[in-house]
C-alpha atoms as a PDB file:
ATOM      1  CA  ARG A   1      -5.729  -2.918 -13.550  1.00  0.00           C
ATOM      2  CA  MET A   2      -7.030  -1.306 -10.413  1.00  0.00           C
ATOM      3  CA  LYS A   3      -6.049   1.945  -8.714  1.00  0.00           C
ATOM      4  CA  ILE A   4      -6.334   2.688  -5.019  1.00  0.00           C
ATOM      5  CA  THR A   5      -6.716   6.343  -4.075  1.00  0.00           C
ATOM      6  CA  ILE A   6      -5.463   7.531  -0.696  1.00  0.00           C
ATOM      7  CA  LEU A   7      -7.770   9.927   1.133  1.00  0.00           C
ATOM      8  CA  LYS A   8      -5.337  12.404   2.687  1.00  0.00           C
ATOM      9  CA  ASP A   9      -7.956  14.232   4.738  1.00  0.00           C
ATOM     10  CA  SER A  10      -9.108  10.941   6.314  1.00  0.00           C
ATOM     11  CA  ILE A  11      -5.692   9.714   7.518  1.00  0.00           C
ATOM     12  CA  PRO A  12      -5.542   7.797   9.806  1.00  0.00           C
ATOM     13  CA  TYR A  13      -8.204   5.463   8.403  1.00  0.00           C
ATOM     14  CA  SER A  14      -8.841   1.872   7.421  1.00  0.00           C
ATOM     15  CA  THR A  15     -10.527   0.566   4.299  1.00  0.00           C
ATOM     16  CA  ASP A  16     -11.380  -2.871   2.973  1.00  0.00           C
ATOM     17  CA  ILE A  17      -9.870  -3.647  -0.429  1.00  0.00           C
ATOM     18  CA  THR A  18     -10.652  -6.783  -2.416  1.00  0.00           C
ATOM     19  CA  ILE A  19      -7.843  -8.083  -4.607  1.00  0.00           C
ATOM     20  CA  LYS A  20      -8.225 -11.318  -6.554  1.00  0.00           C
ATOM     21  CA  ASP A  21     -11.334 -12.376  -4.605  1.00  0.00           C
ATOM     22  CA  LYS A  22      -9.621 -11.897  -1.233  1.00  0.00           C
ATOM     23  CA  THR A  23     -10.419  -8.931   1.021  1.00  0.00           C
ATOM     24  CA  TYR A  24      -7.759  -7.155   3.044  1.00  0.00           C
ATOM     25  CA  GLN A  25      -7.893  -4.204   5.384  1.00  0.00           C
ATOM     26  CA  PHE A  26      -5.483  -1.377   4.622  1.00  0.00           C
ATOM     27  CA  GLU A  27      -4.849   1.037   7.479  1.00  0.00           C
ATOM     28  CA  PHE A  28      -3.222   4.294   6.371  1.00  0.00           C
ATOM     29  CA  ILE A  29      -1.279   6.010   9.169  1.00  0.00           C
ATOM     30  CA  PHE A  30       0.836   9.156   9.410  1.00  0.00           C
ATOM     31  CA  ASN A  31       4.271   9.193  11.022  1.00  0.00           C
ATOM     32  CA  SER A  32       5.005  12.726  12.178  1.00  0.00           C
ATOM     33  CA  TYR A  33       8.706  11.948  12.689  1.00  0.00           C
ATOM     34  CA  ASP A  34       9.471  11.495   8.967  1.00  0.00           C
ATOM     35  CA  ARG A  35       6.202  13.041   7.647  1.00  0.00           C
ATOM     36  CA  ARG A  36       5.384   9.903   5.688  1.00  0.00           C
ATOM     37  CA  VAL A  37       2.357   7.693   5.295  1.00  0.00           C
ATOM     38  CA  TYR A  38       2.599   4.004   6.164  1.00  0.00           C
ATOM     39  CA  ILE A  39       0.254   1.071   5.661  1.00  0.00           C
ATOM     40  CA  ASN A  40      -0.666  -1.612   8.158  1.00  0.00           C
ATOM     41  CA  LEU A  41      -2.052  -4.668   6.343  1.00  0.00           C
ATOM     42  CA  TYR A  42      -4.651  -6.890   7.992  1.00  0.00           C
ATOM     43  CA  ASP A  43      -6.637  -9.901   6.872  1.00  0.00           C
ATOM     44  CA  ILE A  44     -10.432  -9.643   6.749  1.00  0.00           C
ATOM     45  CA  ASP A  45     -10.680 -10.850  10.369  1.00  0.00           C
ATOM     46  CA  GLY A  46      -8.398  -8.064  11.617  1.00  0.00           C
ATOM     47  CA  GLY A  47      -5.300 -10.235  11.970  1.00  0.00           C
ATOM     48  CA  LEU A  48      -2.155  -8.192  11.379  1.00  0.00           C
ATOM     49  CA  ILE A  49      -0.193  -9.381   8.325  1.00  0.00           C
ATOM     50  CA  TYR A  50       2.408  -6.615   8.195  1.00  0.00           C
ATOM     51  CA  ALA A  51       2.889  -3.327  10.054  1.00  0.00           C
ATOM     52  CA  ASN A  52       4.375   0.014   9.016  1.00  0.00           C
ATOM     53  CA  GLU A  53       5.027  -0.477   5.305  1.00  0.00           C
ATOM     54  CA  PRO A  54       6.239   2.883   3.924  1.00  0.00           C
ATOM     55  CA  ILE A  55       4.698   4.202   0.723  1.00  0.00           C
ATOM     56  CA  MET A  56       7.678   4.881  -1.559  1.00  0.00           C
ATOM     57  CA  PHE A  57       7.555   5.972  -5.187  1.00  0.00           C
ATOM     58  CA  GLY A  58       7.868   3.069  -7.649  1.00  0.00           C
ATOM     59  CA  ILE A  59       8.658   0.397  -5.056  1.00  0.00           C
ATOM     60  CA  PRO A  60       5.914  -2.249  -4.739  1.00  0.00           C
ATOM     61  CA  LEU A  61       4.382  -2.513  -1.289  1.00  0.00           C
ATOM     62  CA  TRP A  62       5.813  -5.406   0.740  1.00  0.00           C
ATOM     63  CA  PHE A  63       8.260  -5.999  -2.122  1.00  0.00           C
ATOM     64  CA  ASN A  64      10.671  -8.168  -0.135  1.00  0.00           C
ATOM     65  CA  LYS A  65       7.816 -10.104   1.516  1.00  0.00           C
ATOM     66  CA  VAL A  66       5.315 -10.755  -1.299  1.00  0.00           C
ATOM     67  CA  VAL A  67       7.482 -12.951  -3.541  1.00  0.00           C
ATOM     68  CA  ASP A  68      10.297 -15.378  -2.791  1.00  0.00           C
ATOM     69  CA  GLU A  69      13.477 -15.845  -4.839  1.00  0.00           C
ATOM     70  CA  LYS A  70      11.608 -18.265  -7.156  1.00  0.00           C
ATOM     71  CA  ALA A  71       8.808 -15.740  -7.822  1.00  0.00           C
ATOM     72  CA  ASN A  72       6.269 -17.628  -5.687  1.00  0.00           C
ATOM     73  CA  PHE A  73       3.739 -15.374  -3.984  1.00  0.00           C
ATOM     74  CA  ASN A  74       3.370 -15.447  -0.209  1.00  0.00           C
ATOM     75  CA  HIS A  75      -0.332 -16.263   0.182  1.00  0.00           C
ATOM     76  CA  ASN A  76      -0.703 -14.085   3.292  1.00  0.00           C
ATOM     77  CA  PHE A  77      -0.221 -10.976   1.143  1.00  0.00           C
ATOM     78  CA  PRO A  78      -2.214  -9.757  -1.870  1.00  0.00           C
ATOM     79  CA  GLU A  79      -0.922 -11.834  -4.793  1.00  0.00           C
ATOM     80  CA  VAL A  80      -0.226  -8.815  -6.976  1.00  0.00           C
ATOM     81  CA  TYR A  81       2.226  -5.954  -7.106  1.00  0.00           C
ATOM     82  CA  ILE A  82       0.863  -2.728  -5.636  1.00  0.00           C
ATOM     83  CA  ILE A  83       3.040   0.081  -6.923  1.00  0.00           C
ATOM     84  CA  PRO A  84       2.850   3.639  -5.563  1.00  0.00           C
ATOM     85  CA  ASN A  85       2.956   6.208  -8.344  1.00  0.00           C
ATOM     86  CA  THR A  86       2.154   9.879  -8.684  1.00  0.00           C
ATOM     87  CA  ILE A  87      -0.877  10.827 -10.732  1.00  0.00           C
ATOM     88  CA  ASP A  88       1.311  12.950 -13.050  1.00  0.00           C
ATOM     89  CA  ARG A  89       3.957  10.154 -13.183  1.00  0.00           C
ATOM     90  CA  THR A  90       6.778  12.377 -11.902  1.00  0.00           C
ATOM     91  CA  ILE A  91       9.293  10.918  -9.492  1.00  0.00           C
ATOM     92  CA  LYS A  92       9.182  12.441  -6.046  1.00  0.00           C
ATOM     93  CA  LYS A  93       9.599  11.516  -2.428  1.00  0.00           C
ATOM     94  CA  ILE A  94       6.150  10.619  -1.184  1.00  0.00           C
ATOM     95  CA  THR A  95       5.260  12.424   2.034  1.00  0.00           C
ATOM     96  CA  PHE A  96       2.059  13.316   3.840  1.00  0.00           C
ATOM     97  CA  ASP A  97       2.169  16.711   2.121  1.00  0.00           C
ATOM     98  CA  ASN A  98       1.814  15.207  -1.375  1.00  0.00           C
ATOM     99  CA  ILE A  99       0.023  11.914  -0.578  1.00  0.00           C
ATOM    100  CA  ASN A 100      -3.095  13.259  -2.315  1.00  0.00           C
ATOM    101  CA  GLU A 101      -1.063  13.193  -5.580  1.00  0.00           C
ATOM    102  CA  VAL A 102      -0.387   9.457  -5.184  1.00  0.00           C
ATOM    103  CA  GLU A 103      -2.287   6.402  -6.378  1.00  0.00           C
ATOM    104  CA  LEU A 104      -1.535   2.779  -5.688  1.00  0.00           C
ATOM    105  CA  ILE A 105      -1.567   0.831  -8.959  1.00  0.00           C
ATOM    106  CA  VAL A 106      -2.482  -2.846  -8.627  1.00  0.00           C
ATOM    107  CA  GLU A 107      -0.740  -5.006 -11.249  1.00  0.00           C
ATOM    108  CA  ASP A 108      -1.440  -8.710 -11.736  1.00  0.00           C
END
C-alpha cells in the first residue's frame, strides 16, 4: 500500500509516480473558480491520458474510466484504485484550503 502526499505549497506542479512498474506523470493544478485541486494524468512521454480529474473524498481517481463493467482495467490508466482520503480519516469536501490534509491511497 502506497500513499501519495500532495504538496500544497508547490501547486501547480508535476511529479513522476511509479505504480506497478509503470511511471506516470501527475500534474496537480488549482481551479480558482471552485477552489479545488485537479489532476492531469500523463504517460511517461508526456502524452495526456486524462485532464482535470477532481480530487474528491473517498471516490477513486478516474473511477468511471479505470475499470469497465466486467472489472477489467483500462491499461492506459494506473491499474490500481487511488483513493483520496484525509489524514485524520474524517469526511470533508476537499478544497485547496485543506489539500495539505489529504493523501492519495494506492490500493491494488
